Amino acid sequence: MNDGVRLEALEFKCAHLERAIQELSDVLYQQSQRLDETVLRNQQLKQQLELIESRVGEPAPEAEIPPHY
């Protein structure tokens, strides 16, 4: 195999690796955005629950596992 062919093969592999890295980066960014949205929604729901508990005057009961579990 001559140097030109080897260089072309390496450039081809490098281009594919760069594309794969960009795709992984895009997926990571999307997952980060979804995680941020999920954390925000969780905080909102927690605040709503605390507001409801303050109106009722007692904390909401913990979810109980039925005896058959």
Protein backbone atom coordinates (compact mmCIF):
# COMPACT_ATOMS: atom_id res chain seq x y z
CA MET A 1 0.00 0.00 0.00
CA ASN A 2 1.55 3.30 -0.96
CA ASP A 3 1.56 6.42 1.17
CA GLY A 4 -1.12 8.17 -0.89
CA VAL A 5 -3.60 5.35 -0.41
CA ARG A 6 -2.83 5.13 3.31
CA LEU A 7 -3.25 8.88 3.70
CA GLU A 8 -6.58 8.78 1.87
CA ALA A 9 -7.78 5.92 4.10
CA LEU A 10 -6.79 7.87 7.22
CA GLU A 11 -8.55 11.01 5.98
CA PHE A 12 -11.66 8.94 5.26
CA LYS A 13 -11.62 7.45 8.76
CA CYS A 14 -10.97 10.85 10.31
CA ALA A 15 -13.95 12.37 8.48
CA HIS A 16 -16.22 9.58 9.71
CA LEU A 17 -14.96 9.97 13.27
CA GLU A 18 -15.54 13.73 13.17
CA ARG A 19 -19.09 13.13 11.98
CA ALA A 20 -19.71 10.55 14.70
CA ILE A 21 -18.37 12.92 17.35
CA GLN A 22 -20.65 15.70 16.11
CA GLU A 23 -23.67 13.38 16.18
CA LEU A 24 -22.82 12.28 19.74
CA SER A 25 -22.37 15.89 20.76
CA ASP A 26 -25.79 16.76 19.34
CA VAL A 27 -27.43 13.89 21.21
CA LEU A 28 -25.70 14.87 24.43
CA TYR A 29 -26.90 18.47 24.04
CA GLN A 30 -30.49 17.30 23.44
CA GLN A 31 -30.38 15.04 26.48
CA SER A 32 -28.99 17.87 28.59
CA GLN A 33 -31.86 20.11 27.48
CA ARG A 34 -34.42 17.43 28.32
CA LEU A 35 -32.82 16.84 31.71
CA ASP A 36 -32.96 20.57 32.47
CA GLU A 37 -36.65 20.64 31.48
CA THR A 38 -37.35 17.60 33.65
CA VAL A 39 -35.61 19.10 36.67
CA LEU A 40 -37.54 22.34 36.22
CA ARG A 41 -40.85 20.47 35.95
CA ASN A 42 -39.98 18.44 39.04
CA GLN A 43 -39.32 21.65 40.98
CA GLN A 44 -42.63 23.10 39.81
CA LEU A 45 -44.52 19.99 40.90
CA LYS A 46 -42.76 20.03 44.27
CA GLN A 47 -43.79 23.66 44.77
CA GLN A 48 -47.38 22.83 43.83
CA LEU A 49 -47.42 19.96 46.31
CA GLU A 50 -45.99 22.17 49.06
CA LEU A 51 -48.66 24.79 48.31
CA ILE A 52 -51.42 22.18 48.52
CA GLU A 53 -49.97 20.82 51.77
CA SER A 54 -49.84 24.31 53.27
CA ARG A 55 -53.50 24.87 52.40
CA VAL A 56 -54.58 21.56 53.89
CA GLY A 57 -52.38 21.95 56.94
CA GLU A 58 -50.87 18.50 56.89
CA PRO A 59 -48.33 16.79 54.66
CA ALA A 60 -49.51 14.45 51.95
CA PRO A 61 -49.21 10.81 52.99
CA GLU A 62 -46.32 8.84 51.59
CA ALA A 63 -47.28 6.44 48.84
CA GLU A 64 -47.88 3.12 50.52
CA ILE A 65 -47.08 -0.17 48.89
CA PRO A 66 -50.08 -2.48 48.97
CA PRO A 67 -49.66 -5.48 51.28
CA HIS A 68 -49.67 -7.97 48.42
CA TYR A 69 -46.32 -6.66 47.12
